Amino acid sequence: MDQRLSANSFSIGCSVHNNDKIIHIRKWANLRTNIEIDDDLMRQAMELGETPTKKATVEAGLRLLIQTRLQGGIRKLRGKVKWEGNLELSRRGRVAE
Protein backbone atom coordinates (compact mmCIF):
# COMPACT_ATOMS: atom_id res chain seq x y z
CA MET A 1 0.00 0.00 0.00
CA ASP A 2 1.42 3.40 -0.98
CA GLN A 3 -0.20 6.66 0.07
CA ARG A 4 0.86 10.14 -1.02
CA LEU A 5 -0.51 13.45 0.20
CA SER A 6 0.38 16.75 -1.40
CA ALA A 7 -0.26 20.38 -0.58
CA ASN A 8 0.89 22.91 -3.18
CA SER A 9 4.48 22.02 -4.08
CA PHE A 10 5.25 20.28 -0.78
CA SER A 11 4.47 16.61 -0.82
CA ILE A 12 4.47 14.32 2.17
CA GLY A 13 4.46 10.62 1.59
CA CYS A 14 4.07 7.58 3.71
CA SER A 15 4.87 4.07 2.62
CA VAL A 16 3.33 1.28 4.68
CA HIS A 17 3.85 -2.41 4.27
CA ASN A 18 3.14 -5.37 6.50
CA ASN A 19 5.91 -7.89 7.20
CA ASP A 20 4.31 -10.73 9.23
CA LYS A 21 3.55 -9.14 12.60
CA ILE A 22 5.58 -5.95 12.11
CA ILE A 23 4.26 -2.91 10.28
CA HIS A 24 7.00 -0.82 8.68
CA ILE A 25 6.30 2.86 8.14
CA ARG A 26 8.67 5.03 6.14
CA LYS A 27 8.06 8.76 5.78
CA TRP A 28 9.57 11.12 3.25
CA ALA A 29 9.17 14.73 2.26
CA ASN A 30 10.08 16.39 -1.01
CA LEU A 31 10.17 20.13 -1.52
CA ARG A 32 10.26 21.20 -5.16
CA THR A 33 9.69 24.77 -6.23
CA ASN A 34 9.13 26.12 -9.72
CA ILE A 35 9.68 29.85 -10.15
CA GLU A 36 9.95 32.26 -13.06
CA ILE A 37 13.24 34.17 -13.02
CA ASP A 38 14.27 36.90 -15.42
CA ASP A 39 16.69 35.31 -17.94
CA ASP A 40 19.04 38.31 -18.02
CA LEU A 41 19.14 38.43 -14.22
CA MET A 42 19.92 34.70 -14.04
CA ARG A 43 22.63 34.95 -16.71
CA GLN A 44 24.28 37.88 -14.96
CA ALA A 45 24.11 36.14 -11.56
CA MET A 46 25.61 32.94 -13.01
CA GLU A 47 28.47 34.89 -14.58
CA LEU A 48 29.24 37.00 -11.51
CA GLY A 49 28.78 34.12 -9.09
CA GLU A 50 30.71 31.74 -11.33
CA THR A 51 28.08 29.09 -10.70
CA PRO A 52 27.66 26.26 -13.21
CA THR A 53 23.89 25.79 -12.94
CA LYS A 54 20.74 27.75 -12.24
CA LYS A 55 20.14 25.66 -9.13
CA ALA A 56 23.62 26.46 -7.79
CA THR A 57 23.03 30.15 -8.53
CA VAL A 58 19.73 30.25 -6.67
CA GLU A 59 21.18 28.33 -3.71
CA ALA A 60 24.19 30.70 -3.54
CA GLY A 61 21.82 33.66 -3.58
CA LEU A 62 19.70 32.18 -0.80
CA ARG A 63 22.80 31.50 1.31
CA LEU A 64 23.99 35.08 0.80
CA LEU A 65 20.57 36.48 1.76
CA ILE A 66 20.50 34.40 4.95
CA GLN A 67 24.08 35.32 5.86
CA THR A 68 23.40 39.03 5.30
CA ARG A 69 20.21 39.02 7.35
CA LEU A 70 21.89 37.16 10.23
CA GLN A 71 24.45 39.97 10.42
CA GLY A 72 21.65 42.31 11.45
CA GLY A 73 22.05 41.22 15.06
CA ILE A 74 25.63 42.42 15.09
CA ARG A 75 24.68 45.71 13.45
CA LYS A 76 22.23 46.43 16.26
CA LEU A 77 25.21 46.66 18.63
CA ARG A 78 26.73 49.59 16.73
CA GLY A 79 27.43 52.42 19.14
CA LYS A 80 26.40 50.36 22.17
CA VAL A 81 29.67 48.58 22.87
CA LYS A 82 32.52 50.56 24.36
CA TRP A 83 35.88 49.54 22.91
CA GLU A 84 39.04 50.09 24.88
CA GLY A 85 42.48 49.77 23.39
CA ASN A 86 45.01 51.34 21.09
CA LEU A 87 43.73 51.22 17.53
CA GLU A 88 47.09 52.20 16.03
CA LEU A 89 48.88 49.42 17.94
CA SER A 90 46.20 46.92 16.98
CA ARG A 91 46.57 47.78 13.29
CA ARG A 92 50.37 47.33 13.38
CA GLY A 93 49.93 43.68 14.25
CA ARG A 94 47.94 43.04 11.06
CA VAL A 95 49.85 45.04 8.48
CA ALA A 96 53.06 43.72 6.95
CA GLU A 97 55.75 46.37 7.01
C-alpha atoms as a PDB file:
ATOM      1  CA  MET A   1       0.000   0.000   0.000  1.00  0.00           C
ATOM      2  CA  ASP A   2       1.418   3.400  -0.981  1.00  0.00           C
ATOM      3  CA  GLN A   3      -0.200   6.663   0.066  1.00  0.00           C
ATOM      4  CA  ARG A   4       0.857  10.142  -1.019  1.00  0.00           C
ATOM      5  CA  LEU A   5      -0.505  13.448   0.203  1.00  0.00           C
ATOM      6  CA  SER A   6       0.382  16.746  -1.399  1.00  0.00           C
ATOM      7  CA  ALA A   7      -0.256  20.383  -0.576  1.00  0.00           C
ATOM      8  CA  ASN A   8       0.890  22.906  -3.176  1.00  0.00           C
ATOM      9  CA  SER A   9       4.477  22.018  -4.078  1.00  0.00           C
ATOM     10  CA  PHE A  10       5.254  20.282  -0.781  1.00  0.00           C
ATOM     11  CA  SER A  11       4.471  16.610  -0.818  1.00  0.00           C
ATOM     12  CA  ILE A  12       4.474  14.319   2.169  1.00  0.00           C
ATOM     13  CA  GLY A  13       4.461  10.621   1.591  1.00  0.00           C
ATOM     14  CA  CYS A  14       4.073   7.578   3.710  1.00  0.00           C
ATOM     15  CA  SER A  15       4.872   4.072   2.622  1.00  0.00           C
ATOM     16  CA  VAL A  16       3.330   1.283   4.682  1.00  0.00           C
ATOM     17  CA  HIS A  17       3.849  -2.411   4.269  1.00  0.00           C
ATOM     18  CA  ASN A  18       3.135  -5.372   6.498  1.00  0.00           C
ATOM     19  CA  ASN A  19       5.912  -7.894   7.202  1.00  0.00           C
ATOM     20  CA  ASP A  20       4.305 -10.728   9.227  1.00  0.00           C
ATOM     21  CA  LYS A  21       3.554  -9.140  12.597  1.00  0.00           C
ATOM     22  CA  ILE A  22       5.577  -5.948  12.113  1.00  0.00           C
ATOM     23  CA  ILE A  23       4.257  -2.912  10.276  1.00  0.00           C
ATOM     24  CA  HIS A  24       7.003  -0.819   8.682  1.00  0.00           C
ATOM     25  CA  ILE A  25       6.297   2.856   8.138  1.00  0.00           C
ATOM     26  CA  ARG A  26       8.673   5.030   6.144  1.00  0.00           C
ATOM     27  CA  LYS A  27       8.055   8.764   5.785  1.00  0.00           C
ATOM     28  CA  TRP A  28       9.569  11.121   3.246  1.00  0.00           C
ATOM     29  CA  ALA A  29       9.172  14.728   2.258  1.00  0.00           C
ATOM     30  CA  ASN A  30      10.083  16.391  -1.006  1.00  0.00           C
ATOM     31  CA  LEU A  31      10.170  20.130  -1.523  1.00  0.00           C
ATOM     32  CA  ARG A  32      10.258  21.203  -5.156  1.00  0.00           C
ATOM     33  CA  THR A  33       9.694  24.774  -6.228  1.00  0.00           C
ATOM     34  CA  ASN A  34       9.131  26.120  -9.720  1.00  0.00           C
ATOM     35  CA  ILE A  35       9.677  29.849 -10.153  1.00  0.00           C
ATOM     36  CA  GLU A  36       9.952  32.256 -13.060  1.00  0.00           C
ATOM     37  CA  ILE A  37      13.241  34.171 -13.019  1.00  0.00           C
ATOM     38  CA  ASP A  38      14.270  36.900 -15.424  1.00  0.00           C
ATOM     39  CA  ASP A  39      16.689  35.312 -17.941  1.00  0.00           C
ATOM     40  CA  ASP A  40      19.043  38.310 -18.023  1.00  0.00           C
ATOM     41  CA  LEU A  41      19.142  38.430 -14.224  1.00  0.00           C
ATOM     42  CA  MET A  42      19.923  34.704 -14.042  1.00  0.00           C
ATOM     43  CA  ARG A  43      22.632  34.951 -16.707  1.00  0.00           C
ATOM     44  CA  GLN A  44      24.284  37.879 -14.960  1.00  0.00           C
ATOM     45  CA  ALA A  45      24.115  36.138 -11.563  1.00  0.00           C
ATOM     46  CA  MET A  46      25.613  32.941 -13.008  1.00  0.00           C
ATOM     47  CA  GLU A  47      28.475  34.889 -14.576  1.00  0.00           C
ATOM     48  CA  LEU A  48      29.241  37.003 -11.512  1.00  0.00           C
ATOM     49  CA  GLY A  49      28.784  34.123  -9.089  1.00  0.00           C
ATOM     50  CA  GLU A  50      30.713  31.741 -11.325  1.00  0.00           C
ATOM     51  CA  THR A  51      28.078  29.087 -10.696  1.00  0.00           C
ATOM     52  CA  PRO A  52      27.660  26.257 -13.206  1.00  0.00           C
ATOM     53  CA  THR A  53      23.886  25.789 -12.943  1.00  0.00           C
ATOM     54  CA  LYS A  54      20.742  27.750 -12.241  1.00  0.00           C
ATOM     55  CA  LYS A  55      20.140  25.658  -9.127  1.00  0.00           C
ATOM     56  CA  ALA A  56      23.624  26.463  -7.786  1.00  0.00           C
ATOM     57  CA  THR A  57      23.034  30.147  -8.535  1.00  0.00           C
ATOM     58  CA  VAL A  58      19.729  30.251  -6.666  1.00  0.00           C
ATOM     59  CA  GLU A  59      21.183  28.329  -3.707  1.00  0.00           C
ATOM     60  CA  ALA A  60      24.191  30.700  -3.544  1.00  0.00           C
ATOM     61  CA  GLY A  61      21.818  33.663  -3.582  1.00  0.00           C
ATOM     62  CA  LEU A  62      19.702  32.184  -0.799  1.00  0.00           C
ATOM     63  CA  ARG A  63      22.800  31.503   1.313  1.00  0.00           C
ATOM     64  CA  LEU A  64      23.988  35.082   0.802  1.00  0.00           C
ATOM     65  CA  LEU A  65      20.566  36.476   1.757  1.00  0.00           C
ATOM     66  CA  ILE A  66      20.505  34.404   4.955  1.00  0.00           C
ATOM     67  CA  GLN A  67      24.076  35.322   5.860  1.00  0.00           C
ATOM     68  CA  THR A  68      23.399  39.027   5.302  1.00  0.00           C
ATOM     69  CA  ARG A  69      20.205  39.015   7.355  1.00  0.00           C
ATOM     70  CA  LEU A  70      21.894  37.160  10.227  1.00  0.00           C
ATOM     71  CA  GLN A  71      24.453  39.971  10.424  1.00  0.00           C
ATOM     72  CA  GLY A  72      21.648  42.307  11.451  1.00  0.00           C
ATOM     73  CA  GLY A  73      22.055  41.216  15.058  1.00  0.00           C
ATOM     74  CA  ILE A  74      25.634  42.422  15.089  1.00  0.00           C
ATOM     75  CA  ARG A  75      24.683  45.713  13.445  1.00  0.00           C
ATOM     76  CA  LYS A  76      22.225  46.432  16.256  1.00  0.00           C
ATOM     77  CA  LEU A  77      25.212  46.657  18.625  1.00  0.00           C
ATOM     78  CA  ARG A  78      26.726  49.591  16.727  1.00  0.00           C
ATOM     79  CA  GLY A  79      27.428  52.422  19.140  1.00  0.00           C
ATOM     80  CA  LYS A  80      26.397  50.361  22.169  1.00  0.00           C
ATOM     81  CA  VAL A  81      29.670  48.582  22.868  1.00  0.00           C
ATOM     82  CA  LYS A  82      32.520  50.560  24.361  1.00  0.00           C
ATOM     83  CA  TRP A  83      35.878  49.539  22.909  1.00  0.00           C
ATOM     84  CA  GLU A  84      39.039  50.095  24.883  1.00  0.00           C
ATOM     85  CA  GLY A  85      42.477  49.767  23.392  1.00  0.00           C
ATOM     86  CA  ASN A  86      45.010  51.340  21.092  1.00  0.00           C
ATOM     87  CA  LEU A  87      43.726  51.217  17.532  1.00  0.00           C
ATOM     88  CA  GLU A  88      47.088  52.198  16.028  1.00  0.00           C
ATOM     89  CA  LEU A  89      48.879  49.424  17.939  1.00  0.00           C
ATOM     90  CA  SER A  90      46.199  46.922  16.979  1.00  0.00           C
ATOM     91  CA  ARG A  91      46.570  47.778  13.291  1.00  0.00           C
ATOM     92  CA  ARG A  92      50.369  47.332  13.376  1.00  0.00           C
ATOM     93  CA  GLY A  93      49.930  43.679  14.246  1.00  0.00           C
ATOM     94  CA  ARG A  94      47.943  43.035  11.058  1.00  0.00           C
ATOM     95  CA  VAL A  95      49.847  45.044   8.482  1.00  0.00           C
ATOM     96  CA  ALA A  96      53.057  43.723   6.946  1.00  0.00           C
ATOM     97  CA  GLU A  97      55.748  46.374   7.014  1.00  0.00           C
END
